[in-house]
Amino acid sequence: HFNNNLHWQIGHVLVMTEQLVFGLINQ
C-alpha cells in the first residue's frame, strides 16, 4: 500500500525542504 521505501522517505524530506526553503528565494 506504499509507493516508496524508507530510504526514499528520508531523501524526499531532505530534498523537498531544500527546494522549498532555498529554491523559493532563488538560492
mmCIF file of all heavy atoms, coordinates in Angstrom:
data_MODEL
# 
_entry.id   MODEL 
# 
loop_
_atom_site.group_PDB 
_atom_site.id 
_atom_site.type_symbol 
_atom_site.label_atom_id 
_atom_site.label_alt_id 
_atom_site.label_comp_id 
_atom_site.label_asym_id 
_atom_site.label_entity_id 
_atom_site.label_seq_id 
_atom_site.pdbx_PDB_ins_code 
_atom_site.Cartn_x 
_atom_site.Cartn_y 
_atom_site.Cartn_z 
_atom_site.occupancy 
_atom_site.B_iso_or_equiv 
_atom_site.pdbx_formal_charge 
_atom_site.auth_seq_id 
_atom_site.auth_comp_id 
_atom_site.auth_asym_id 
_atom_site.auth_atom_id 
_atom_site.pdbx_PDB_model_num 
ATOM 1   N N   . HIS A 1 1  ? 0.807  -1.228 0.000  1.00 0.00 ? 1  HIS A N   1 
ATOM 2   C CA  . HIS A 1 1  ? 0.000  0.000  0.000  1.00 0.00 ? 1  HIS A CA  1 
ATOM 3   C C   . HIS A 1 1  ? 0.842  1.280  0.000  1.00 0.00 ? 1  HIS A C   1 
ATOM 4   O O   . HIS A 1 1  ? 0.306  2.371  0.150  1.00 0.00 ? 1  HIS A O   1 
ATOM 5   C CB  . HIS A 1 1  ? -1.010 0.030  1.148  1.00 0.00 ? 1  HIS A CB  1 
ATOM 6   C CG  . HIS A 1 1  ? -1.904 -1.162 1.196  1.00 0.00 ? 1  HIS A CG  1 
ATOM 7   N ND1 . HIS A 1 1  ? -2.808 -1.459 0.199  1.00 0.00 ? 1  HIS A ND1 1 
ATOM 8   C CD2 . HIS A 1 1  ? -2.016 -2.149 2.110  1.00 0.00 ? 1  HIS A CD2 1 
ATOM 9   C CE1 . HIS A 1 1  ? -3.448 -2.572 0.496  1.00 0.00 ? 1  HIS A CE1 1 
ATOM 10  N NE2 . HIS A 1 1  ? -2.978 -3.015 1.654  1.00 0.00 ? 1  HIS A NE2 1 
ATOM 11  N N   . PHE A 1 2  ? 2.150  1.170  -0.127 1.00 0.00 ? 2  PHE A N   1 
ATOM 12  C CA  . PHE A 1 2  ? 3.024  2.331  -0.227 1.00 0.00 ? 2  PHE A CA  1 
ATOM 13  C C   . PHE A 1 2  ? 3.703  2.314  -1.590 1.00 0.00 ? 2  PHE A C   1 
ATOM 14  O O   . PHE A 1 2  ? 3.868  1.262  -2.197 1.00 0.00 ? 2  PHE A O   1 
ATOM 15  C CB  . PHE A 1 2  ? 4.097  2.316  0.877  1.00 0.00 ? 2  PHE A CB  1 
ATOM 16  C CG  . PHE A 1 2  ? 3.592  2.768  2.213  1.00 0.00 ? 2  PHE A CG  1 
ATOM 17  C CD1 . PHE A 1 2  ? 2.979  1.874  3.078  1.00 0.00 ? 2  PHE A CD1 1 
ATOM 18  C CD2 . PHE A 1 2  ? 3.728  4.092  2.607  1.00 0.00 ? 2  PHE A CD2 1 
ATOM 19  C CE1 . PHE A 1 2  ? 2.511  2.278  4.313  1.00 0.00 ? 2  PHE A CE1 1 
ATOM 20  C CE2 . PHE A 1 2  ? 3.264  4.506  3.845  1.00 0.00 ? 2  PHE A CE2 1 
ATOM 21  C CZ  . PHE A 1 2  ? 2.652  3.600  4.697  1.00 0.00 ? 2  PHE A CZ  1 
ATOM 22  N N   . ASN A 1 3  ? 4.091  3.487  -2.072 1.00 0.00 ? 3  ASN A N   1 
ATOM 23  C CA  . ASN A 1 3  ? 4.822  3.611  -3.336 1.00 0.00 ? 3  ASN A CA  1 
ATOM 24  C C   . ASN A 1 3  ? 6.329  3.672  -3.130 1.00 0.00 ? 3  ASN A C   1 
ATOM 25  O O   . ASN A 1 3  ? 7.079  3.562  -4.089 1.00 0.00 ? 3  ASN A O   1 
ATOM 26  C CB  . ASN A 1 3  ? 4.392  4.874  -4.089 1.00 0.00 ? 3  ASN A CB  1 
ATOM 27  C CG  . ASN A 1 3  ? 2.954  4.815  -4.521 1.00 0.00 ? 3  ASN A CG  1 
ATOM 28  O OD1 . ASN A 1 3  ? 2.459  3.776  -4.918 1.00 0.00 ? 3  ASN A OD1 1 
ATOM 29  N ND2 . ASN A 1 3  ? 2.269  5.941  -4.430 1.00 0.00 ? 3  ASN A ND2 1 
ATOM 30  N N   . ASN A 1 4  ? 6.739  3.939  -1.886 1.00 0.00 ? 4  ASN A N   1 
ATOM 31  C CA  . ASN A 1 4  ? 8.142  4.221  -1.629 1.00 0.00 ? 4  ASN A CA  1 
ATOM 32  C C   . ASN A 1 4  ? 8.641  3.506  -0.386 1.00 0.00 ? 4  ASN A C   1 
ATOM 33  O O   . ASN A 1 4  ? 7.851  2.998  0.399  1.00 0.00 ? 4  ASN A O   1 
ATOM 34  C CB  . ASN A 1 4  ? 8.337  5.733  -1.480 1.00 0.00 ? 4  ASN A CB  1 
ATOM 35  C CG  . ASN A 1 4  ? 8.033  6.447  -2.778 1.00 0.00 ? 4  ASN A CG  1 
ATOM 36  O OD1 . ASN A 1 4  ? 8.723  6.215  -3.765 1.00 0.00 ? 4  ASN A OD1 1 
ATOM 37  N ND2 . ASN A 1 4  ? 7.019  7.291  -2.807 1.00 0.00 ? 4  ASN A ND2 1 
ATOM 38  N N   . ASN A 1 5  ? 9.944  3.485  -0.239 1.00 0.00 ? 5  ASN A N   1 
ATOM 39  C CA  . ASN A 1 5  ? 10.568 2.841  0.915  1.00 0.00 ? 5  ASN A CA  1 
ATOM 40  C C   . ASN A 1 5  ? 11.084 3.905  1.891  1.00 0.00 ? 5  ASN A C   1 
ATOM 41  O O   . ASN A 1 5  ? 10.954 5.111  1.651  1.00 0.00 ? 5  ASN A O   1 
ATOM 42  C CB  . ASN A 1 5  ? 11.684 1.899  0.458  1.00 0.00 ? 5  ASN A CB  1 
ATOM 43  C CG  . ASN A 1 5  ? 12.755 2.583  -0.369 1.00 0.00 ? 5  ASN A CG  1 
ATOM 44  O OD1 . ASN A 1 5  ? 13.047 3.759  -0.191 1.00 0.00 ? 5  ASN A OD1 1 
ATOM 45  N ND2 . ASN A 1 5  ? 13.351 1.841  -1.281 1.00 0.00 ? 5  ASN A ND2 1 
ATOM 46  N N   . LEU A 1 6  ? 11.675 3.451  2.977  1.00 0.00 ? 6  LEU A N   1 
ATOM 47  C CA  . LEU A 1 6  ? 12.193 4.362  3.992  1.00 0.00 ? 6  LEU A CA  1 
ATOM 48  C C   . LEU A 1 6  ? 13.341 5.220  3.469  1.00 0.00 ? 6  LEU A C   1 
ATOM 49  O O   . LEU A 1 6  ? 13.454 6.399  3.813  1.00 0.00 ? 6  LEU A O   1 
ATOM 50  C CB  . LEU A 1 6  ? 12.623 3.569  5.226  1.00 0.00 ? 6  LEU A CB  1 
ATOM 51  C CG  . LEU A 1 6  ? 11.463 2.902  5.969  1.00 0.00 ? 6  LEU A CG  1 
ATOM 52  C CD1 . LEU A 1 6  ? 11.977 1.794  6.873  1.00 0.00 ? 6  LEU A CD1 1 
ATOM 53  C CD2 . LEU A 1 6  ? 10.652 3.910  6.744  1.00 0.00 ? 6  LEU A CD2 1 
ATOM 54  N N   . HIS A 1 7  ? 14.167 4.647  2.622  1.00 0.00 ? 7  HIS A N   1 
ATOM 55  C CA  . HIS A 1 7  ? 15.282 5.393  2.016  1.00 0.00 ? 7  HIS A CA  1 
ATOM 56  C C   . HIS A 1 7  ? 14.726 6.582  1.223  1.00 0.00 ? 7  HIS A C   1 
ATOM 57  O O   . HIS A 1 7  ? 15.214 7.715  1.339  1.00 0.00 ? 7  HIS A O   1 
ATOM 58  C CB  . HIS A 1 7  ? 16.080 4.448  1.119  1.00 0.00 ? 7  HIS A CB  1 
ATOM 59  C CG  . HIS A 1 7  ? 17.411 4.970  0.701  1.00 0.00 ? 7  HIS A CG  1 
ATOM 60  N ND1 . HIS A 1 7  ? 18.498 4.157  0.547  1.00 0.00 ? 7  HIS A ND1 1 
ATOM 61  C CD2 . HIS A 1 7  ? 17.854 6.206  0.384  1.00 0.00 ? 7  HIS A CD2 1 
ATOM 62  C CE1 . HIS A 1 7  ? 19.539 4.868  0.150  1.00 0.00 ? 7  HIS A CE1 1 
ATOM 63  N NE2 . HIS A 1 7  ? 19.161 6.120  0.043  1.00 0.00 ? 7  HIS A NE2 1 
ATOM 64  N N   . TRP A 1 8  ? 13.692 6.317  0.437  1.00 0.00 ? 8  TRP A N   1 
ATOM 65  C CA  . TRP A 1 8  ? 13.070 7.400  -0.339 1.00 0.00 ? 8  TRP A CA  1 
ATOM 66  C C   . TRP A 1 8  ? 12.474 8.451  0.592  1.00 0.00 ? 8  TRP A C   1 
ATOM 67  O O   . TRP A 1 8  ? 12.606 9.650  0.351  1.00 0.00 ? 8  TRP A O   1 
ATOM 68  C CB  . TRP A 1 8  ? 11.988 6.847  -1.272 1.00 0.00 ? 8  TRP A CB  1 
ATOM 69  C CG  . TRP A 1 8  ? 11.373 7.920  -2.116 1.00 0.00 ? 8  TRP A CG  1 
ATOM 70  C CD1 . TRP A 1 8  ? 11.793 8.334  -3.338 1.00 0.00 ? 8  TRP A CD1 1 
ATOM 71  C CD2 . TRP A 1 8  ? 10.233 8.732  -1.791 1.00 0.00 ? 8  TRP A CD2 1 
ATOM 72  N NE1 . TRP A 1 8  ? 10.988 9.360  -3.797 1.00 0.00 ? 8  TRP A NE1 1 
ATOM 73  C CE2 . TRP A 1 8  ? 10.025 9.613  -2.859 1.00 0.00 ? 8  TRP A CE2 1 
ATOM 74  C CE3 . TRP A 1 8  ? 9.373  8.796  -0.702 1.00 0.00 ? 8  TRP A CE3 1 
ATOM 75  C CZ2 . TRP A 1 8  ? 8.985  10.550 -2.868 1.00 0.00 ? 8  TRP A CZ2 1 
ATOM 76  C CZ3 . TRP A 1 8  ? 8.344  9.730  -0.699 1.00 0.00 ? 8  TRP A CZ3 1 
ATOM 77  C CH2 . TRP A 1 8  ? 8.162  10.594 -1.783 1.00 0.00 ? 8  TRP A CH2 1 
ATOM 78  N N   . GLN A 1 9  ? 11.817 8.017  1.641  1.00 0.00 ? 9  GLN A N   1 
ATOM 79  C CA  . GLN A 1 9  ? 11.162 8.955  2.557  1.00 0.00 ? 9  GLN A CA  1 
ATOM 80  C C   . GLN A 1 9  ? 12.152 9.976  3.118  1.00 0.00 ? 9  GLN A C   1 
ATOM 81  O O   . GLN A 1 9  ? 11.871 11.181 3.124  1.00 0.00 ? 9  GLN A O   1 
ATOM 82  C CB  . GLN A 1 9  ? 10.494 8.198  3.714  1.00 0.00 ? 9  GLN A CB  1 
ATOM 83  C CG  . GLN A 1 9  ? 9.301  7.359  3.320  1.00 0.00 ? 9  GLN A CG  1 
ATOM 84  C CD  . GLN A 1 9  ? 8.055  8.171  3.034  1.00 0.00 ? 9  GLN A CD  1 
ATOM 85  O OE1 . GLN A 1 9  ? 7.861  9.271  3.550  1.00 0.00 ? 9  GLN A OE1 1 
ATOM 86  N NE2 . GLN A 1 9  ? 7.185  7.625  2.200  1.00 0.00 ? 9  GLN A NE2 1 
ATOM 87  N N   . ILE A 1 10 ? 13.310 9.503  3.594  1.00 0.00 ? 10 ILE A N   1 
ATOM 88  C CA  . ILE A 1 10 ? 14.249 10.455 4.198  1.00 0.00 ? 10 ILE A CA  1 
ATOM 89  C C   . ILE A 1 10 ? 14.886 11.355 3.138  1.00 0.00 ? 10 ILE A C   1 
ATOM 90  O O   . ILE A 1 10 ? 15.094 12.542 3.369  1.00 0.00 ? 10 ILE A O   1 
ATOM 91  C CB  . ILE A 1 10 ? 15.304 9.775  5.089  1.00 0.00 ? 10 ILE A CB  1 
ATOM 92  C CG1 . ILE A 1 10 ? 16.281 8.921  4.302  1.00 0.00 ? 10 ILE A CG1 1 
ATOM 93  C CG2 . ILE A 1 10 ? 14.646 8.992  6.212  1.00 0.00 ? 10 ILE A CG2 1 
ATOM 94  C CD1 . ILE A 1 10 ? 17.512 8.481  5.102  1.00 0.00 ? 10 ILE A CD1 1 
ATOM 95  N N   . GLY A 1 11 ? 15.167 10.799 1.963  1.00 0.00 ? 11 GLY A N   1 
ATOM 96  C CA  . GLY A 1 11 ? 15.712 11.620 0.885  1.00 0.00 ? 11 GLY A CA  1 
ATOM 97  C C   . GLY A 1 11 ? 14.712 12.652 0.409  1.00 0.00 ? 11 GLY A C   1 
ATOM 98  O O   . GLY A 1 11 ? 15.071 13.794 0.105  1.00 0.00 ? 11 GLY A O   1 
ATOM 99  N N   . HIS A 1 12 ? 13.447 12.270 0.381  1.00 0.00 ? 12 HIS A N   1 
ATOM 100 C CA  . HIS A 1 12 ? 12.386 13.178 -0.058 1.00 0.00 ? 12 HIS A CA  1 
ATOM 101 C C   . HIS A 1 12 ? 12.247 14.362 0.900  1.00 0.00 ? 12 HIS A C   1 
ATOM 102 O O   . HIS A 1 12 ? 12.140 15.514 0.464  1.00 0.00 ? 12 HIS A O   1 
ATOM 103 C CB  . HIS A 1 12 ? 11.065 12.407 -0.166 1.00 0.00 ? 12 HIS A CB  1 
ATOM 104 C CG  . HIS A 1 12 ? 9.909  13.254 -0.557 1.00 0.00 ? 12 HIS A CG  1 
ATOM 105 N ND1 . HIS A 1 12 ? 9.757  13.762 -1.827 1.00 0.00 ? 12 HIS A ND1 1 
ATOM 106 C CD2 . HIS A 1 12 ? 8.843  13.682 0.170  1.00 0.00 ? 12 HIS A CD2 1 
ATOM 107 C CE1 . HIS A 1 12 ? 8.631  14.476 -1.871 1.00 0.00 ? 12 HIS A CE1 1 
ATOM 108 N NE2 . HIS A 1 12 ? 8.067  14.438 -0.668 1.00 0.00 ? 12 HIS A NE2 1 
ATOM 109 N N   . VAL A 1 13 ? 12.240 14.092 2.197  1.00 0.00 ? 13 VAL A N   1 
ATOM 110 C CA  . VAL A 1 13 ? 12.152 15.186 3.170  1.00 0.00 ? 13 VAL A CA  1 
ATOM 111 C C   . VAL A 1 13 ? 13.335 16.137 2.990  1.00 0.00 ? 13 VAL A C   1 
ATOM 112 O O   . VAL A 1 13 ? 13.153 17.362 2.958  1.00 0.00 ? 13 VAL A O   1 
ATOM 113 C CB  . VAL A 1 13 ? 12.092 14.634 4.613  1.00 0.00 ? 13 VAL A CB  1 
ATOM 114 C CG1 . VAL A 1 13 ? 12.309 15.752 5.636  1.00 0.00 ? 13 VAL A CG1 1 
ATOM 115 C CG2 . VAL A 1 13 ? 10.766 13.928 4.866  1.00 0.00 ? 13 VAL A CG2 1 
ATOM 116 N N   . LEU A 1 14 ? 14.508 15.603 2.849  1.00 0.00 ? 14 LEU A N   1 
ATOM 117 C CA  . LEU A 1 14 ? 15.706 16.420 2.663  1.00 0.00 ? 14 LEU A CA  1 
ATOM 118 C C   . LEU A 1 14 ? 15.594 17.293 1.420  1.00 0.00 ? 14 LEU A C   1 
ATOM 119 O O   . LEU A 1 14 ? 15.782 18.514 1.466  1.00 0.00 ? 14 LEU A O   1 
ATOM 120 C CB  . LEU A 1 14 ? 16.940 15.517 2.572  1.00 0.00 ? 14 LEU A CB  1 
ATOM 121 C CG  . LEU A 1 14 ? 18.276 16.214 2.325  1.00 0.00 ? 14 LEU A CG  1 
ATOM 122 C CD1 . LEU A 1 14 ? 18.704 17.015 3.546  1.00 0.00 ? 14 LEU A CD1 1 
ATOM 123 C CD2 . LEU A 1 14 ? 19.339 15.191 1.950  1.00 0.00 ? 14 LEU A CD2 1 
ATOM 124 N N   . VAL A 1 15 ? 15.269 16.669 0.296  1.00 0.00 ? 15 VAL A N   1 
ATOM 125 C CA  . VAL A 1 15 ? 15.227 17.386 -0.987 1.00 0.00 ? 15 VAL A CA  1 
ATOM 126 C C   . VAL A 1 15 ? 14.101 18.415 -1.024 1.00 0.00 ? 15 VAL A C   1 
ATOM 127 O O   . VAL A 1 15 ? 14.302 19.548 -1.459 1.00 0.00 ? 15 VAL A O   1 
ATOM 128 C CB  . VAL A 1 15 ? 15.104 16.380 -2.158 1.00 0.00 ? 15 VAL A CB  1 
ATOM 129 C CG1 . VAL A 1 15 ? 14.710 17.072 -3.454 1.00 0.00 ? 15 VAL A CG1 1 
ATOM 130 C CG2 . VAL A 1 15 ? 16.418 15.634 -2.329 1.00 0.00 ? 15 VAL A CG2 1 
ATOM 131 N N   . MET A 1 16 ? 12.919 18.042 -0.574 1.00 0.00 ? 16 MET A N   1 
ATOM 132 C CA  . MET A 1 16 ? 11.798 18.975 -0.639 1.00 0.00 ? 16 MET A CA  1 
ATOM 133 C C   . MET A 1 16 ? 11.995 20.159 0.303  1.00 0.00 ? 16 MET A C   1 
ATOM 134 O O   . MET A 1 16 ? 11.661 21.293 -0.061 1.00 0.00 ? 16 MET A O   1 
ATOM 135 C CB  . MET A 1 16 ? 10.481 18.250 -0.347 1.00 0.00 ? 16 MET A CB  1 
ATOM 136 C CG  . MET A 1 16 ? 10.091 17.253 -1.427 1.00 0.00 ? 16 MET A CG  1 
ATOM 137 S SD  . MET A 1 16 ? 10.125 17.921 -3.121 1.00 0.00 ? 16 MET A SD  1 
ATOM 138 C CE  . MET A 1 16 ? 8.899  19.209 -3.005 1.00 0.00 ? 16 MET A CE  1 
ATOM 139 N N   . THR A 1 17 ? 12.543 19.927 1.471  1.00 0.00 ? 17 THR A N   1 
ATOM 140 C CA  . THR A 1 17 ? 12.839 21.042 2.374  1.00 0.00 ? 17 THR A CA  1 
ATOM 141 C C   . THR A 1 17 ? 13.827 21.994 1.707  1.00 0.00 ? 17 THR A C   1 
ATOM 142 O O   . THR A 1 17 ? 13.645 23.210 1.717  1.00 0.00 ? 17 THR A O   1 
ATOM 143 C CB  . THR A 1 17 ? 13.389 20.528 3.721  1.00 0.00 ? 17 THR A CB  1 
ATOM 144 O OG1 . THR A 1 17 ? 12.408 19.690 4.326  1.00 0.00 ? 17 THR A OG1 1 
ATOM 145 C CG2 . THR A 1 17 ? 13.741 21.680 4.645  1.00 0.00 ? 17 THR A CG2 1 
ATOM 146 N N   . GLU A 1 18 ? 14.842 21.427 1.105  1.00 0.00 ? 18 GLU A N   1 
ATOM 147 C CA  . GLU A 1 18 ? 15.859 22.242 0.432  1.00 0.00 ? 18 GLU A CA  1 
ATOM 148 C C   . GLU A 1 18 ? 15.251 23.034 -0.725 1.00 0.00 ? 18 GLU A C   1 
ATOM 149 O O   . GLU A 1 18 ? 15.501 24.235 -0.872 1.00 0.00 ? 18 GLU A O   1 
ATOM 150 C CB  . GLU A 1 18 ? 16.970 21.316 -0.084 1.00 0.00 ? 18 GLU A CB  1 
ATOM 151 C CG  . GLU A 1 18 ? 18.215 22.015 -0.491 1.00 0.00 ? 18 GLU A CG  1 
ATOM 152 C CD  . GLU A 1 18 ? 19.127 22.369 0.665  1.00 0.00 ? 18 GLU A CD  1 
ATOM 153 O OE1 . GLU A 1 18 ? 18.894 21.939 1.807  1.00 0.00 ? 18 GLU A OE1 1 
ATOM 154 O OE2 . GLU A 1 18 ? 20.106 23.091 0.412  1.00 0.00 ? 18 GLU A OE2 1 
ATOM 155 N N   . GLN A 1 19 ? 14.446 22.357 -1.550 1.00 0.00 ? 19 GLN A N   1 
ATOM 156 C CA  . GLN A 1 19 ? 13.852 23.029 -2.708 1.00 0.00 ? 19 GLN A CA  1 
ATOM 157 C C   . GLN A 1 19 ? 12.877 24.124 -2.297 1.00 0.00 ? 19 GLN A C   1 
ATOM 158 O O   . GLN A 1 19 ? 12.848 25.186 -2.906 1.00 0.00 ? 19 GLN A O   1 
ATOM 159 C CB  . GLN A 1 19 ? 13.168 22.012 -3.621 1.00 0.00 ? 19 GLN A CB  1 
ATOM 160 C CG  . GLN A 1 19 ? 14.149 21.145 -4.373 1.00 0.00 ? 19 GLN A CG  1 
ATOM 161 C CD  . GLN A 1 19 ? 13.480 20.126 -5.287 1.00 0.00 ? 19 GLN A CD  1 
ATOM 162 O OE1 . GLN A 1 19 ? 12.278 19.926 -5.260 1.00 0.00 ? 19 GLN A OE1 1 
ATOM 163 N NE2 . GLN A 1 19 ? 14.290 19.464 -6.087 1.00 0.00 ? 19 GLN A NE2 1 
ATOM 164 N N   . LEU A 1 20 ? 12.107 23.853 -1.263 1.00 0.00 ? 20 LEU A N   1 
ATOM 165 C CA  . LEU A 1 20 ? 11.163 24.872 -0.808 1.00 0.00 ? 20 LEU A CA  1 
ATOM 166 C C   . LEU A 1 20 ? 11.889 26.065 -0.201 1.00 0.00 ? 20 LEU A C   1 
ATOM 167 O O   . LEU A 1 20 ? 11.702 27.202 -0.637 1.00 0.00 ? 20 LEU A O   1 
ATOM 168 C CB  . LEU A 1 20 ? 10.198 24.287 0.229  1.00 0.00 ? 20 LEU A CB  1 
ATOM 169 C CG  . LEU A 1 20 ? 9.144  23.330 -0.281 1.00 0.00 ? 20 LEU A CG  1 
ATOM 170 C CD1 . LEU A 1 20 ? 8.386  22.703 0.885  1.00 0.00 ? 20 LEU A CD1 1 
ATOM 171 C CD2 . LEU A 1 20 ? 8.175  24.047 -1.212 1.00 0.00 ? 20 LEU A CD2 1 
ATOM 172 N N   . VAL A 1 21 ? 12.699 25.806 0.795  1.00 0.00 ? 21 VAL A N   1 
ATOM 173 C CA  . VAL A 1 21 ? 13.287 26.893 1.565  1.00 0.00 ? 21 VAL A CA  1 
ATOM 174 C C   . VAL A 1 21 ? 14.293 27.706 0.747  1.00 0.00 ? 21 VAL A C   1 
ATOM 175 O O   . VAL A 1 21 ? 14.238 28.925 0.735  1.00 0.00 ? 21 VAL A O   1 
ATOM 176 C CB  . VAL A 1 21 ? 13.923 26.354 2.866  1.00 0.00 ? 21 VAL A CB  1 
ATOM 177 C CG1 . VAL A 1 21 ? 14.668 27.446 3.608  1.00 0.00 ? 21 VAL A CG1 1 
ATOM 178 C CG2 . VAL A 1 21 ? 12.854 25.731 3.761  1.00 0.00 ? 21 VAL A CG2 1 
ATOM 179 N N   . PHE A 1 22 ? 15.176 27.029 0.047  1.00 0.00 ? 22 PHE A N   1 
ATOM 180 C CA  . PHE A 1 22 ? 16.195 27.772 -0.701 1.00 0.00 ? 22 PHE A CA  1 
ATOM 181 C C   . PHE A 1 22 ? 15.754 28.081 -2.125 1.00 0.00 ? 22 PHE A C   1 
ATOM 182 O O   . PHE A 1 22 ? 16.123 29.107 -2.682 1.00 0.00 ? 22 PHE A O   1 
ATOM 183 C CB  . PHE A 1 22 ? 17.522 27.011 -0.683 1.00 0.00 ? 22 PHE A CB  1 
ATOM 184 C CG  . PHE A 1 22 ? 18.128 26.946 0.693  1.00 0.00 ? 22 PHE A CG  1 
ATOM 185 C CD1 . PHE A 1 22 ? 18.015 25.794 1.456  1.00 0.00 ? 22 PHE A CD1 1 
ATOM 186 C CD2 . PHE A 1 22 ? 18.771 28.037 1.234  1.00 0.00 ? 22 PHE A CD2 1 
ATOM 187 C CE1 . PHE A 1 22 ? 18.549 25.732 2.737  1.00 0.00 ? 22 PHE A CE1 1 
ATOM 188 C CE2 . PHE A 1 22 ? 19.310 27.998 2.517  1.00 0.00 ? 22 PHE A CE2 1 
ATOM 189 C CZ  . PHE A 1 22 ? 19.193 26.839 3.274  1.00 0.00 ? 22 PHE A CZ  1 
ATOM 190 N N   . GLY A 1 23 ? 14.957 27.201 -2.702 1.00 0.00 ? 23 GLY A N   1 
ATOM 191 C CA  . GLY A 1 23 ? 14.506 27.413 -4.072 1.00 0.00 ? 23 GLY A CA  1 
ATOM 192 C C   . GLY A 1 23 ? 13.574 28.600 -4.244 1.00 0.00 ? 23 GLY A C   1 
ATOM 193 O O   . GLY A 1 23 ? 13.609 29.282 -5.261 1.00 0.00 ? 23 GLY A O   1 
ATOM 194 N N   . LEU A 1 24 ? 12.755 28.878 -3.236 1.00 0.00 ? 24 LEU A N   1 
ATOM 195 C CA  . LEU A 1 24 ? 11.801 29.978 -3.354 1.00 0.00 ? 24 LEU A CA  1 
ATOM 196 C C   . LEU A 1 24 ? 12.413 31.352 -3.135 1.00 0.00 ? 24 LEU A C   1 
ATOM 197 O O   . LEU A 1 24 ? 11.739 32.361 -3.242 1.00 0.00 ? 24 LEU A O   1 
ATOM 198 C CB  . LEU A 1 24 ? 10.612 29.763 -2.412 1.00 0.00 ? 24 LEU A CB  1 
ATOM 199 C CG  . LEU A 1 24 ? 9.680  28.624 -2.831 1.00 0.00 ? 24 LEU A CG  1 
ATOM 200 C CD1 . LEU A 1 24 ? 8.530  28.483 -1.853 1.00 0.00 ? 24 LEU A CD1 1 
ATOM 201 C CD2 . LEU A 1 24 ? 9.150  28.813 -4.243 1.00 0.00 ? 24 LEU A CD2 1 
ATOM 202 N N   . ILE A 1 25 ? 13.707 31.384 -2.836 1.00 0.00 ? 25 ILE A N   1 
ATOM 203 C CA  . ILE A 1 25 ? 14.411 32.677 -2.800 1.00 0.00 ? 25 ILE A CA  1 
ATOM 204 C C   . ILE A 1 25 ? 15.521 32.686 -3.848 1.00 0.00 ? 25 ILE A C   1 
ATOM 205 O O   . ILE A 1 25 ? 16.407 33.519 -3.813 1.00 0.00 ? 25 ILE A O   1 
ATOM 206 C CB  . ILE A 1 25 ? 14.977 32.994 -1.404 1.00 0.00 ? 25 ILE A CB  1 
ATOM 207 C CG1 . ILE A 1 25 ? 15.990 31.945 -0.961 1.00 0.00 ? 25 ILE A CG1 1 
ATOM 208 C CG2 . ILE A 1 25 ? 13.867 33.180 -0.384 1.00 0.00 ? 25 ILE A CG2 1 
ATOM 209 C CD1 . ILE A 1 25 ? 16.894 32.412 0.161  1.00 0.00 ? 25 ILE A CD1 1 
ATOM 210 N N   . ASN A 1 26 ? 15.440 31.715 -4.761 1.00 0.00 ? 26 ASN A N   1 
ATOM 211 C CA  . ASN A 1 26 ? 16.412 31.619 -5.857 1.00 0.00 ? 26 ASN A CA  1 
ATOM 212 C C   . ASN A 1 26 ? 17.845 31.494 -5.362 1.00 0.00 ? 26 ASN A C   1 
ATOM 213 O O   . ASN A 1 26 ? 18.764 32.034 -5.954 1.00 0.00 ? 26 ASN A O   1 
ATOM 214 C CB  . ASN A 1 26 ? 16.290 32.809 -6.811 1.00 0.00 ? 26 ASN A CB  1 
ATOM 215 C CG  . ASN A 1 26 ? 14.976 32.807 -7.530 1.00 0.00 ? 26 ASN A CG  1 
ATOM 216 O OD1 . ASN A 1 26 ? 14.476 31.763 -7.933 1.00 0.00 ? 26 ASN A OD1 1 
ATOM 217 N ND2 . ASN A 1 26 ? 14.381 33.984 -7.682 1.00 0.00 ? 26 ASN A ND2 1 
ATOM 218 N N   . GLN A 1 27 ? 18.033 30.759 -4.278 1.00 0.00 ? 27 GLN A N   1 
ATOM 219 C CA  . GLN A 1 27 ? 19.378 30.491 -3.782 1.00 0.00 ? 27 GLN A CA  1 
ATOM 220 C C   . GLN A 1 27 ? 19.715 29.050 -4.096 1.00 0.00 ? 27 GLN A C   1 
ATOM 221 O O   . GLN A 1 27 ? 18.872 28.161 -3.976 1.00 0.00 ? 27 GLN A O   1 
ATOM 222 C CB  . GLN A 1 27 ? 19.459 30.726 -2.270 1.00 0.00 ? 27 GLN A CB  1 
ATOM 223 C CG  . GLN A 1 27 ? 20.862 30.586 -1.751 1.00 0.00 ? 27 GLN A CG  1 
ATOM 224 C CD  . GLN A 1 27 ? 20.961 30.965 -0.276 1.00 0.00 ? 27 GLN A CD  1 
ATOM 225 O OE1 . GLN A 1 27 ? 19.997 31.344 0.352  1.00 0.00 ? 27 GLN A OE1 1 
ATOM 226 N NE2 . GLN A 1 27 ? 22.162 30.839 0.254  1.00 0.00 ? 27 GLN A NE2 1 
# 
